Amino acid sequence: MLSGLWSVASAQSALSQQEPSWAASIGALSGAASVEGGAVVLGAERQVYRIGAAGQVQWQAPLGDIGRAFPLVRPDGSLLVAAYDDRLYALSAAGQPLWNTRLDGDIFASPALLPDGSAVVATAGGSLYRIGASGEVLWRQPLGAPSYSSPAVGQGGQIYLGSQTGKVFAFDQAGNALWTFQAGRSVFSSPALDAAGNLYFGSADRHLYSLTPQGQLRWKQALTGFVNASPIVTAREQVVVGSFGGELNAYRLDGTPAWSYPAGAAITVAATELWNGDLLVGDLSGVLHRVSAAGQAVSRQDLGERMDTPVTVADDGTWLLVVDGQLRAYAGGWPQAAGPWSSFRNTPQGWGRTLTETEQTALLIRRRQTAASLEAVQAMPPTPAPADPVPAPVLPELAGRPDLPAPSGTGIGQPRLIGGRVHLPLPALAAAYGLELRPLTGQPEQPAQAELVQGEQRWSVPAVLVGGVPYASIGDLGRQTGARIITSAQGLQVEWAGQTQFWPLDWVDLYANPLPRPF
């Protein structure tokens, strides 16, 4: 699991209140596929990157062109990556080329994985291919028009996808056509499947459709704009989809409306459902929305650049966002929900198919383990104040200050939430680790720099003054030489210059009682 700047805090707060654990500036184009301890993403320089747990580039491999398709991570860790040079590439888990197969047009849509290790992929040349595990073309079926709809594979191996003529196709694993359905306009959206095998997809005719596995119309619902986004099917049995009309809409599986959330800008990507039922989705104005399972706003964070790739949520609780040419990781949040189709391509690895019972069971075990500490925090009663609090040690030049933070029962000092970020009081930090705290540079209520000194060692830390007390965020502290901060359900483990202290923390109380942003 990534050791980020926060973990359990996300059980009570929104992503907008956190800083990323790391950000890799690689000019990313595609969504991020989750791999063990990191991510895979396509970059703007005709490269595919493997990013490690601390944001470092572990390897990069060249492609013949750029690509937008979501990479696919096979169970053995190898990758399938599509590009605009008409080729599907296979790479080993170490980034070594295995094979590449040329098809009949650019590959915009992500491939989907079949249980036997083969994959199906659609092209702008108007074909659907099934490619064997070693790169051989098993069959090709013409679609009559370009397809930018990523195929979805059902439990029985049925393959579904849309095309620019508005036709939705169904094939069996041998490539035999099963049926077609005609929507009013093009189907850019990729189908999602529920537990019964019913399909859900959007169309440029401003409707969300549901079909039976046999291709019969179950229902359709009019939306306020084109539907390029792919729907998801949540663990709470709702179909959720965004549109160019600037709304995120939810319907029950029978097609009756559940709720509508006004995002205010076009949504072109699939939402992602979290274990606690919240939904994450970005819009084209650059705002990341977190919406509750009932359709209420939890947070809105302006990230500065359009979000046209979905948020990937790994089984270990890492949230991966591609924004402004960066891959950003937030560690320690809720994992993805275990619904029938809780995200784009259904799994963080981008498989694009319904899971087997064995796969679903393994997934539930992993995600429950990740969610356990967060659920425990939500269930914890408020911590009563100690009867006889022990005064926190302070430096001589700060002694007698009535506005110092209230000490905790440990005698170390109390972390606080300031401007959405967890901060430690620098006087208490200095006292706990035997550091000298030099006077801050800067003006009251303005950004400042604090200097911590121990012998010949010096650390300059960005600080804020709240009520005259200097605080530094755990993010800024964790980036100092010789420092490391690890979060847990019980608090913060802070390592500094060879010493380790544990700061007990009630996360619920922390987020319920924030300090005001000082500037």
Protein backbone atom coordinates (compact mmCIF):
# COMPACT_ATOMS: atom_id res chain seq x y z
CA MET A 1 0.00 0.00 0.00
CA LEU A 2 1.28 3.47 -0.80
CA SER A 3 2.49 5.36 2.28
CA GLY A 4 0.84 8.67 1.53
CA LEU A 5 0.10 11.83 3.40
CA TRP A 6 -3.17 10.58 4.80
CA SER A 7 -5.16 7.42 5.22
CA VAL A 8 -8.02 7.08 7.65
CA ALA A 9 -8.83 10.77 7.32
CA SER A 10 -10.58 10.04 4.07
CA ALA A 11 -13.23 8.08 5.93
CA GLN A 12 -14.63 11.34 7.22
CA SER A 13 -13.40 13.87 4.68
CA ALA A 14 -13.45 14.52 0.98
CA LEU A 15 -10.62 14.17 -1.49
CA SER A 16 -10.70 17.95 -1.83
CA GLN A 17 -9.30 18.20 1.68
CA GLN A 18 -6.18 16.19 0.91
CA GLU A 19 -2.90 16.52 -0.91
CA PRO A 20 -1.71 13.74 -3.21
CA SER A 21 0.87 11.34 -1.85
CA TRP A 22 2.77 11.83 -5.07
CA ALA A 23 2.36 13.23 -8.56
CA ALA A 24 4.26 12.04 -11.63
CA SER A 25 4.50 14.65 -14.41
CA ILE A 26 4.61 12.48 -17.52
CA GLY A 27 2.11 14.21 -19.81
CA ALA A 28 -0.37 11.41 -19.21
CA LEU A 29 -3.16 10.87 -21.74
CA SER A 30 -4.96 7.69 -20.70
CA GLY A 31 -6.62 6.66 -17.50
CA ALA A 32 -4.42 4.88 -14.98
CA ALA A 33 -4.63 1.11 -14.62
CA SER A 34 -3.81 -0.20 -11.16
CA VAL A 35 -0.92 -2.62 -10.71
CA GLU A 36 0.51 -4.01 -7.49
CA GLY A 37 2.12 -1.10 -5.67
CA GLY A 38 1.62 1.45 -8.44
CA ALA A 39 0.03 2.28 -11.77
CA VAL A 40 0.42 2.06 -15.55
CA VAL A 41 -0.46 4.99 -17.81
CA LEU A 42 0.15 6.14 -21.39
CA GLY A 43 2.19 9.31 -21.78
CA ALA A 44 2.15 12.05 -24.42
CA GLU A 45 5.57 11.08 -25.82
CA ARG A 46 4.55 7.71 -27.27
CA GLN A 47 5.52 5.95 -24.08
CA VAL A 48 3.83 3.69 -21.56
CA TYR A 49 4.98 4.19 -17.97
CA ARG A 50 5.02 1.98 -14.91
CA ILE A 51 4.89 4.22 -11.83
CA GLY A 52 5.95 2.88 -8.44
CA ALA A 53 4.62 3.32 -4.94
CA ALA A 54 6.41 6.63 -4.35
CA GLY A 55 5.64 8.14 -7.75
CA GLN A 56 8.92 7.13 -9.36
CA VAL A 57 9.09 5.92 -12.95
CA GLN A 58 10.08 2.26 -12.66
CA TRP A 59 10.25 1.77 -16.40
CA GLN A 60 8.98 3.21 -19.64
CA ALA A 61 8.48 1.49 -22.98
CA PRO A 62 8.06 3.06 -26.43
CA LEU A 63 4.95 2.75 -28.59
CA GLY A 64 4.49 3.59 -32.25
CA ASP A 65 2.11 6.44 -31.46
CA ILE A 66 0.20 8.03 -28.62
CA GLY A 67 -2.93 6.38 -27.26
CA ARG A 68 -5.99 7.19 -25.23
CA ALA A 69 -7.19 3.70 -24.37
CA PHE A 70 -7.19 2.56 -20.74
CA PRO A 71 -4.33 0.03 -20.36
CA LEU A 72 -5.27 -3.51 -19.40
CA VAL A 73 -3.31 -5.42 -16.74
CA ARG A 74 -3.57 -9.19 -17.15
CA PRO A 75 -3.63 -11.48 -14.08
CA ASP A 76 0.05 -12.35 -14.52
CA GLY A 77 0.99 -8.65 -14.44
CA SER A 78 1.63 -8.31 -18.16
CA LEU A 79 -0.01 -5.47 -20.05
CA LEU A 80 -2.13 -4.89 -23.13
CA VAL A 81 -1.78 -1.34 -24.46
CA ALA A 82 -3.50 0.12 -27.53
CA ALA A 83 -2.20 3.02 -29.64
CA TYR A 84 -3.11 5.19 -32.63
CA ASP A 85 -0.66 3.31 -34.87
CA ASP A 86 -3.30 0.58 -35.33
CA ARG A 87 -1.43 -1.76 -33.01
CA LEU A 88 -2.22 -3.66 -29.84
CA TYR A 89 0.94 -4.10 -27.76
CA ALA A 90 1.71 -6.70 -25.10
CA LEU A 91 4.40 -5.93 -22.51
CA SER A 92 5.73 -8.02 -19.67
CA ALA A 93 5.32 -6.90 -16.07
CA ALA A 94 8.90 -5.57 -16.35
CA GLY A 95 8.10 -3.51 -19.46
CA GLN A 96 9.71 -5.81 -22.01
CA PRO A 97 7.93 -6.14 -25.38
CA LEU A 98 6.18 -9.49 -25.86
CA TRP A 99 4.37 -8.89 -29.16
CA ASN A 100 2.39 -6.33 -31.10
CA THR A 101 -0.39 -6.98 -33.59
CA ARG A 102 -1.44 -4.56 -36.30
CA LEU A 103 -5.18 -4.17 -36.87
CA ASP A 104 -7.17 -2.17 -39.45
CA GLY A 105 -7.32 1.25 -37.78
CA ASP A 106 -6.55 3.42 -34.78
CA ILE A 107 -7.48 1.85 -31.45
CA PHE A 108 -9.26 4.38 -29.31
CA ALA A 109 -11.35 1.98 -27.22
CA SER A 110 -9.86 -0.11 -24.43
CA PRO A 111 -9.62 -3.87 -25.03
CA ALA A 112 -11.53 -6.32 -22.86
CA LEU A 113 -10.11 -9.51 -21.39
CA LEU A 114 -11.71 -12.93 -21.78
CA PRO A 115 -11.19 -15.60 -19.10
CA ASP A 116 -8.86 -17.65 -21.34
CA GLY A 117 -6.38 -14.75 -21.64
CA SER A 118 -7.45 -13.61 -25.10
CA ALA A 119 -8.80 -10.09 -25.65
CA VAL A 120 -11.35 -8.35 -27.83
CA VAL A 121 -10.64 -4.91 -29.22
CA ALA A 122 -12.54 -2.53 -31.52
CA THR A 123 -10.98 -0.19 -34.07
CA ALA A 124 -11.66 3.09 -35.83
CA GLY A 125 -11.40 1.01 -38.99
CA GLY A 126 -14.76 -0.49 -38.11
CA SER A 127 -13.83 -3.96 -36.90
CA LEU A 128 -13.95 -6.07 -33.77
CA TYR A 129 -11.00 -8.42 -33.29
CA ARG A 130 -10.33 -11.26 -30.92
CA ILE A 131 -6.61 -11.51 -30.24
CA GLY A 132 -5.09 -14.61 -28.65
CA ALA A 133 -2.91 -14.49 -25.54
CA SER A 134 0.20 -14.65 -27.77
CA GLY A 135 -0.94 -11.95 -30.21
CA GLU A 136 -2.51 -14.06 -32.96
CA VAL A 137 -5.71 -12.87 -34.63
CA LEU A 138 -8.38 -15.44 -33.79
CA TRP A 139 -11.16 -13.72 -35.72
CA ARG A 140 -12.31 -10.38 -37.08
CA GLN A 141 -15.88 -9.14 -37.48
CA PRO A 142 -16.77 -5.99 -39.48
CA LEU A 143 -18.98 -3.45 -37.70
CA GLY A 144 -19.69 -1.22 -40.68
CA ALA A 145 -18.48 1.93 -38.90
CA PRO A 146 -15.75 3.07 -36.50
CA SER A 147 -16.15 1.98 -32.89
CA TYR A 148 -14.95 4.04 -29.93
CA SER A 149 -16.94 1.93 -27.48
CA SER A 150 -14.86 -0.41 -25.35
CA PRO A 151 -16.26 -3.95 -25.46
CA ALA A 152 -17.84 -5.48 -22.38
CA VAL A 153 -17.75 -9.23 -21.78
CA GLY A 154 -20.55 -10.98 -19.90
CA GLN A 155 -20.43 -13.99 -17.58
CA GLY A 156 -21.14 -16.36 -20.45
CA GLY A 157 -18.51 -14.82 -22.69
CA GLN A 158 -20.92 -12.66 -24.73
CA ILE A 159 -19.24 -9.56 -26.16
CA TYR A 160 -21.11 -6.24 -26.38
CA LEU A 161 -20.08 -2.90 -27.91
CA GLY A 162 -21.46 0.13 -29.72
CA SER A 163 -20.54 1.94 -32.93
CA GLN A 164 -20.75 5.34 -34.56
CA THR A 165 -23.87 4.35 -36.52
CA GLY A 166 -25.71 3.89 -33.23
CA LYS A 167 -25.75 0.11 -33.53
CA VAL A 168 -25.00 -2.02 -30.50
CA PHE A 169 -23.61 -5.46 -31.33
CA ALA A 170 -23.51 -8.76 -29.48
CA PHE A 171 -21.14 -11.60 -30.44
CA ASP A 172 -20.29 -14.92 -28.89
CA GLN A 173 -16.70 -15.94 -28.16
CA ALA A 174 -16.40 -17.61 -31.57
CA GLY A 175 -17.22 -14.32 -33.31
CA ASN A 176 -20.75 -15.25 -34.32
CA ALA A 177 -23.21 -12.34 -34.38
CA LEU A 178 -25.96 -12.79 -31.79
CA TRP A 179 -28.01 -9.64 -32.34
CA THR A 180 -27.89 -5.90 -33.05
CA PHE A 181 -29.84 -3.01 -31.56
CA GLN A 182 -30.23 0.41 -33.17
CA ALA A 183 -30.04 3.51 -30.97
CA GLY A 184 -31.01 6.95 -32.24
CA ARG A 185 -27.44 8.19 -32.79
CA SER A 186 -23.84 7.11 -32.24
CA VAL A 187 -22.90 5.00 -29.21
CA PHE A 188 -19.58 6.21 -27.87
CA SER A 189 -20.43 4.94 -24.41
CA SER A 190 -19.10 1.56 -23.28
CA PRO A 191 -21.71 -0.88 -21.95
CA ALA A 192 -21.98 -1.76 -18.28
CA LEU A 193 -23.52 -5.05 -17.12
CA ASP A 194 -25.58 -5.84 -14.04
CA ALA A 195 -25.60 -9.12 -12.13
CA ALA A 196 -28.37 -10.49 -14.36
CA GLY A 197 -26.44 -9.70 -17.54
CA ASN A 198 -28.58 -6.72 -18.61
CA LEU A 199 -26.77 -3.99 -20.57
CA TYR A 200 -26.67 -0.23 -19.92
CA PHE A 201 -25.19 2.33 -22.31
CA GLY A 202 -25.64 5.93 -23.41
CA SER A 203 -26.07 7.48 -26.85
CA ALA A 204 -25.57 10.80 -28.58
CA ASP A 205 -29.37 10.81 -28.94
CA ARG A 206 -29.43 11.98 -25.29
CA HIS A 207 -30.76 8.75 -23.85
CA LEU A 208 -29.59 6.07 -21.46
CA TYR A 209 -30.62 2.60 -22.62
CA SER A 210 -31.04 -0.76 -20.94
CA LEU A 211 -31.24 -4.02 -22.93
CA THR A 212 -31.73 -7.63 -21.95
CA PRO A 213 -28.87 -10.07 -22.65
CA GLN A 214 -30.90 -11.04 -25.75
CA GLY A 215 -30.89 -7.46 -27.09
CA GLN A 216 -34.46 -6.50 -26.25
CA LEU A 217 -35.15 -2.95 -24.99
CA ARG A 218 -35.95 -2.93 -21.28
CA TRP A 219 -36.20 0.85 -20.96
CA LYS A 220 -34.63 4.14 -21.98
CA GLN A 221 -34.42 7.45 -20.17
CA ALA A 222 -33.96 10.91 -21.70
CA LEU A 223 -31.06 12.99 -20.37
CA THR A 224 -30.22 16.68 -20.82
CA GLY A 225 -27.24 16.17 -23.14
CA PHE A 226 -25.23 13.79 -25.28
CA VAL A 227 -24.15 10.69 -23.37
CA ASN A 228 -20.54 9.92 -24.20
CA ALA A 229 -19.82 8.76 -20.66
CA SER A 230 -19.99 5.10 -19.80
CA PRO A 231 -22.47 4.15 -17.07
CA ILE A 232 -21.68 2.07 -14.01
CA VAL A 233 -23.86 -0.32 -12.01
CA THR A 234 -23.41 0.19 -8.28
CA ALA A 235 -23.46 -2.17 -5.34
CA ARG A 236 -26.68 -0.42 -4.31
CA GLU A 237 -28.34 -1.51 -7.58
CA GLN A 238 -28.35 1.84 -9.31
CA VAL A 239 -27.19 2.79 -12.79
CA VAL A 240 -25.19 6.03 -12.67
CA VAL A 241 -24.16 8.05 -15.73
CA GLY A 242 -23.09 11.61 -16.58
CA SER A 243 -23.85 13.63 -19.69
CA PHE A 244 -22.93 16.76 -21.62
CA GLY A 245 -25.92 18.35 -19.90
CA GLY A 246 -23.78 18.75 -16.77
CA GLU A 247 -25.65 16.27 -14.60
CA LEU A 248 -24.85 12.97 -12.93
CA ASN A 249 -28.00 10.86 -12.98
CA ALA A 250 -28.91 7.67 -11.14
CA TYR A 251 -31.67 5.18 -12.00
CA ARG A 252 -32.86 2.03 -10.33
CA LEU A 253 -32.38 -1.13 -12.33
CA ASP A 254 -36.01 -0.99 -13.47
CA GLY A 255 -35.39 2.43 -15.03
CA THR A 256 -37.15 4.62 -12.47
CA PRO A 257 -35.20 7.78 -11.56
CA ALA A 258 -33.33 7.68 -8.23
CA TRP A 259 -31.65 11.12 -8.15
CA SER A 260 -29.94 13.78 -10.25
CA TYR A 261 -26.84 15.70 -9.18
CA PRO A 262 -26.05 19.07 -10.89
CA ALA A 263 -22.32 19.05 -11.70
CA GLY A 264 -22.57 22.29 -13.70
CA ALA A 265 -20.26 21.16 -16.50
CA ALA A 266 -20.18 18.34 -19.05
CA ILE A 267 -19.29 14.87 -17.77
CA THR A 268 -17.70 12.58 -20.36
CA VAL A 269 -16.24 9.87 -18.11
CA ALA A 270 -17.57 7.06 -15.96
CA ALA A 271 -18.01 7.58 -12.25
CA THR A 272 -16.30 5.31 -9.74
CA GLU A 273 -18.17 3.92 -6.75
CA LEU A 274 -16.34 3.73 -3.41
CA TRP A 275 -16.82 1.07 -0.78
CA ASN A 276 -18.89 3.45 1.39
CA GLY A 277 -21.22 4.25 -1.53
CA ASP A 278 -19.80 7.64 -2.48
CA LEU A 279 -19.10 8.34 -6.15
CA LEU A 280 -16.10 10.12 -7.71
CA VAL A 281 -16.38 11.77 -11.13
CA GLY A 282 -14.62 14.63 -12.90
CA ASP A 283 -16.06 17.13 -15.39
CA LEU A 284 -14.68 19.09 -18.32
CA SER A 285 -14.32 22.28 -16.27
CA GLY A 286 -11.72 20.52 -14.11
CA VAL A 287 -13.88 19.92 -11.03
CA LEU A 288 -13.72 16.60 -9.23
CA HIS A 289 -17.05 15.79 -7.62
CA ARG A 290 -17.63 13.46 -4.71
CA VAL A 291 -21.30 12.55 -4.47
CA SER A 292 -23.04 10.44 -1.85
CA ALA A 293 -25.02 7.30 -2.67
CA ALA A 294 -28.16 9.43 -2.26
CA GLY A 295 -26.98 12.01 -4.80
CA GLN A 296 -25.88 14.69 -2.33
CA ALA A 297 -22.69 16.70 -2.77
CA VAL A 298 -19.87 15.59 -0.47
CA SER A 299 -17.20 17.80 -2.06
CA ARG A 300 -16.28 19.74 -5.19
CA GLN A 301 -12.60 20.34 -5.86
CA ASP A 302 -11.32 22.46 -8.76
CA LEU A 303 -8.20 20.69 -10.02
CA GLY A 304 -7.52 23.25 -12.72
CA GLU A 305 -7.70 21.15 -15.87
CA ARG A 306 -10.44 19.21 -17.64
CA MET A 307 -10.96 15.69 -16.38
CA ASP A 308 -11.66 13.39 -19.30
CA THR A 309 -10.42 10.14 -17.78
CA PRO A 310 -12.08 8.28 -14.90
CA VAL A 311 -10.71 8.02 -11.37
CA THR A 312 -9.15 4.62 -10.72
CA VAL A 313 -9.52 3.25 -7.20
CA ALA A 314 -7.21 0.34 -6.41
CA ASP A 315 -8.04 -2.52 -4.08
CA ASP A 316 -5.51 -1.21 -1.56
CA GLY A 317 -7.39 2.11 -1.29
CA THR A 318 -5.14 4.16 -3.58
CA TRP A 319 -7.01 6.71 -5.72
CA LEU A 320 -5.36 7.52 -9.09
CA LEU A 321 -6.23 10.65 -11.08
CA VAL A 322 -4.91 11.89 -14.41
CA VAL A 323 -5.13 15.67 -14.52
CA ASP A 324 -3.05 18.50 -15.96
CA GLY A 325 -0.48 16.14 -17.46
CA GLN A 326 0.09 14.50 -14.10
CA LEU A 327 -0.72 11.18 -12.58
CA ARG A 328 -1.70 11.92 -8.98
CA ALA A 329 -2.07 9.33 -6.25
CA TYR A 330 -4.00 9.63 -3.01
CA ALA A 331 -3.25 6.79 -0.61
CA GLY A 332 -5.35 5.23 2.10
CA GLY A 333 -8.92 6.04 1.06
CA TRP A 334 -11.90 3.79 0.59
CA PRO A 335 -11.35 1.04 -1.99
CA GLN A 336 -13.68 0.60 -4.94
CA ALA A 337 -17.09 -0.87 -4.20
CA ALA A 338 -17.77 -4.47 -5.14
CA GLY A 339 -20.81 -3.80 -7.31
CA PRO A 340 -21.55 -5.61 -10.58
CA TRP A 341 -19.79 -2.87 -12.60
CA SER A 342 -18.54 -0.25 -10.12
CA SER A 343 -16.17 1.60 -12.45
CA PHE A 344 -15.07 2.01 -16.04
CA ARG A 345 -13.89 -1.42 -17.29
CA ASN A 346 -15.22 -2.87 -13.99
CA THR A 347 -11.84 -3.53 -12.32
CA PRO A 348 -8.93 -1.17 -11.54
CA GLN A 349 -6.89 -3.39 -13.88
CA GLY A 350 -9.26 -2.61 -16.78
CA TRP A 351 -10.48 -6.14 -17.55
CA GLY A 352 -13.85 -5.02 -18.94
CA ARG A 353 -15.67 -8.20 -18.08
CA THR A 354 -17.96 -9.71 -15.48
CA LEU A 355 -15.92 -11.49 -12.82
CA THR A 356 -16.15 -15.17 -12.05
CA GLU A 357 -17.37 -16.22 -8.61
CA THR A 358 -13.81 -17.05 -7.54
CA GLU A 359 -12.52 -13.67 -8.73
CA GLN A 360 -15.37 -11.84 -7.01
CA THR A 361 -14.69 -13.65 -3.72
CA ALA A 362 -10.98 -12.77 -3.82
CA LEU A 363 -11.82 -9.17 -4.63
CA LEU A 364 -14.23 -8.92 -1.68
CA ILE A 365 -11.59 -10.24 0.71
CA ARG A 366 -8.98 -7.71 -0.43
CA ARG A 367 -11.32 -4.74 -0.34
CA ARG A 368 -12.84 -5.65 3.01
CA GLN A 369 -9.35 -5.75 4.50
CA THR A 370 -8.64 -2.28 3.14
CA ALA A 371 -11.96 -0.87 4.32
CA ALA A 372 -11.87 -2.43 7.79
CA SER A 373 -9.85 0.32 9.49
CA LEU A 374 -11.99 3.05 7.93
CA GLU A 375 -15.20 1.37 9.01
CA ALA A 376 -13.77 1.01 12.51
CA VAL A 377 -13.09 4.72 12.66
CA GLN A 378 -16.65 5.56 11.66
CA ALA A 379 -17.98 3.23 14.32
CA MET A 380 -15.77 4.60 17.13
CA PRO A 381 -17.54 6.67 19.80
CA PRO A 382 -16.08 10.11 20.60
CA THR A 383 -12.99 9.92 22.79
CA PRO A 384 -13.60 11.50 26.22
CA ALA A 385 -11.17 14.13 27.40
CA PRO A 386 -8.65 12.90 30.01
CA ALA A 387 -9.40 13.86 33.59
CA ASP A 388 -5.91 15.27 34.27
CA PRO A 389 -4.29 16.36 31.03
CA VAL A 390 -0.52 16.46 31.11
CA PRO A 391 0.89 19.84 30.01
CA ALA A 392 2.78 19.66 26.72
CA PRO A 393 6.44 20.64 26.95
CA VAL A 394 7.25 23.89 25.11
CA LEU A 395 10.38 25.80 24.28
CA PRO A 396 11.44 28.53 26.74
CA GLU A 397 10.77 31.38 24.31
CA LEU A 398 7.20 30.16 23.87
CA ALA A 399 6.48 29.38 27.50
CA GLY A 400 3.54 31.10 29.08
CA ARG A 401 1.68 31.58 25.78
CA PRO A 402 -2.03 31.14 26.58
CA ASP A 403 -2.88 30.42 22.94
CA LEU A 404 -0.85 27.20 22.60
CA PRO A 405 -2.92 24.21 21.39
CA ALA A 406 -4.55 22.13 24.08
CA PRO A 407 -2.27 19.21 24.95
CA SER A 408 -3.33 15.60 24.46
CA GLY A 409 -3.07 12.94 27.11
CA THR A 410 0.29 11.90 25.71
CA GLY A 411 1.97 15.18 26.55
CA ILE A 412 3.14 15.52 22.95
CA GLY A 413 0.61 18.00 21.51
CA GLN A 414 -2.47 17.87 19.35
CA PRO A 415 -2.58 17.63 15.54
CA ARG A 416 -5.20 19.88 13.99
CA LEU A 417 -6.99 20.22 10.66
CA ILE A 418 -6.15 23.57 9.03
CA GLY A 419 -7.45 24.44 5.58
CA GLY A 420 -8.29 20.79 4.92
CA ARG A 421 -4.78 19.53 5.73
CA VAL A 422 -3.54 17.78 8.87
CA HIS A 423 -0.97 19.91 10.72
CA LEU A 424 1.28 19.37 13.73
CA PRO A 425 2.06 22.18 16.20
CA LEU A 426 5.73 22.98 15.78
CA PRO A 427 6.42 23.83 19.46
CA ALA A 428 5.19 20.38 20.50
CA LEU A 429 7.08 18.73 17.64
CA ALA A 430 10.30 20.46 18.65
CA ALA A 431 9.87 19.48 22.29
CA ALA A 432 9.08 15.85 21.46
CA TYR A 433 12.23 15.36 19.36
CA GLY A 434 14.68 17.60 21.17
CA LEU A 435 14.77 20.24 18.41
CA GLU A 436 15.30 23.97 18.61
CA LEU A 437 12.53 25.99 17.01
CA ARG A 438 13.86 29.21 15.55
CA PRO A 439 11.57 32.25 15.20
CA LEU A 440 9.44 32.21 12.06
CA THR A 441 10.14 34.45 9.10
CA GLY A 442 7.07 36.17 7.69
CA GLN A 443 4.18 38.21 9.05
CA PRO A 444 1.37 37.04 11.36
CA GLU A 445 -1.53 35.37 9.52
CA GLN A 446 0.67 35.01 6.40
CA PRO A 447 2.72 32.08 4.97
CA ALA A 448 6.00 31.68 6.80
CA GLN A 449 9.06 29.43 7.13
CA ALA A 450 10.00 27.78 10.39
CA GLU A 451 13.48 26.46 11.11
CA LEU A 452 14.04 23.37 13.23
CA VAL A 453 17.60 22.79 14.43
CA GLN A 454 19.36 19.82 15.98
CA GLY A 455 23.13 20.27 16.24
CA GLU A 456 24.42 20.80 12.72
CA GLN A 457 21.16 19.70 11.11
CA ARG A 458 18.60 22.25 9.98
CA TRP A 459 15.15 21.80 8.48
CA SER A 460 13.26 24.68 6.90
CA VAL A 461 9.52 23.95 6.92
CA PRO A 462 6.58 25.96 5.48
CA ALA A 463 4.40 26.98 8.40
CA VAL A 464 1.21 28.84 9.19
CA LEU A 465 0.33 30.82 12.28
CA VAL A 466 -3.05 30.19 13.82
CA GLY A 467 -3.72 32.09 17.01
CA GLY A 468 -0.02 32.82 17.19
CA VAL A 469 0.93 29.13 17.16
CA PRO A 470 3.08 27.85 14.26
CA TYR A 471 1.84 24.70 12.53
CA ALA A 472 3.26 22.65 9.64
CA SER A 473 1.33 20.18 7.51
CA ILE A 474 2.25 16.52 7.79
CA GLY A 475 2.82 16.61 4.03
CA ASP A 476 5.52 19.28 4.31
CA LEU A 477 7.00 17.59 7.37
CA GLY A 478 7.08 14.20 5.69
CA ARG A 479 9.15 15.60 2.82
CA GLN A 480 11.98 16.68 5.11
CA THR A 481 15.25 14.75 5.11
CA GLY A 482 15.19 11.99 7.71
CA ALA A 483 11.44 12.33 8.29
CA ARG A 484 8.62 9.89 7.63
CA ILE A 485 4.97 10.01 8.63
CA ILE A 486 2.73 6.94 8.57
CA THR A 487 -0.99 7.19 9.24
CA SER A 488 -3.20 4.53 10.80
CA ALA A 489 -6.65 4.26 12.32
CA GLN A 490 -5.15 5.14 15.72
CA GLY A 491 -3.05 8.15 14.77
CA LEU A 492 0.29 9.25 13.31
CA GLN A 493 3.66 7.54 13.57
CA VAL A 494 6.22 10.31 13.11
CA GLU A 495 9.86 9.40 12.53
CA TRP A 496 12.31 12.31 12.78
CA ALA A 497 16.10 12.12 12.72
CA GLY A 498 16.19 8.58 14.05
CA GLN A 499 13.48 9.02 16.69
CA THR A 500 9.91 7.75 16.48
CA GLN A 501 6.89 9.09 18.33
CA PHE A 502 3.28 7.98 18.09
CA TRP A 503 0.65 10.71 18.16
CA PRO A 504 -2.75 9.24 19.08
CA LEU A 505 -5.51 10.85 17.09
CA ASP A 506 -9.30 10.73 16.92
CA TRP A 507 -9.87 11.26 13.20
CA VAL A 508 -13.58 11.83 13.62
CA ASP A 509 -13.03 14.61 16.12
CA LEU A 510 -10.20 16.05 14.01
CA TYR A 511 -12.43 16.58 10.99
CA ALA A 512 -15.39 17.67 13.06
CA ASN A 513 -13.38 20.52 14.64
CA PRO A 514 -11.14 22.12 12.00
CA LEU A 515 -9.21 25.31 12.61
CA PRO A 516 -9.90 28.17 10.17
CA ARG A 517 -7.58 28.65 7.22
CA PRO A 518 -5.20 31.45 8.33
CA PHE A 519 -4.98 33.16 4.93
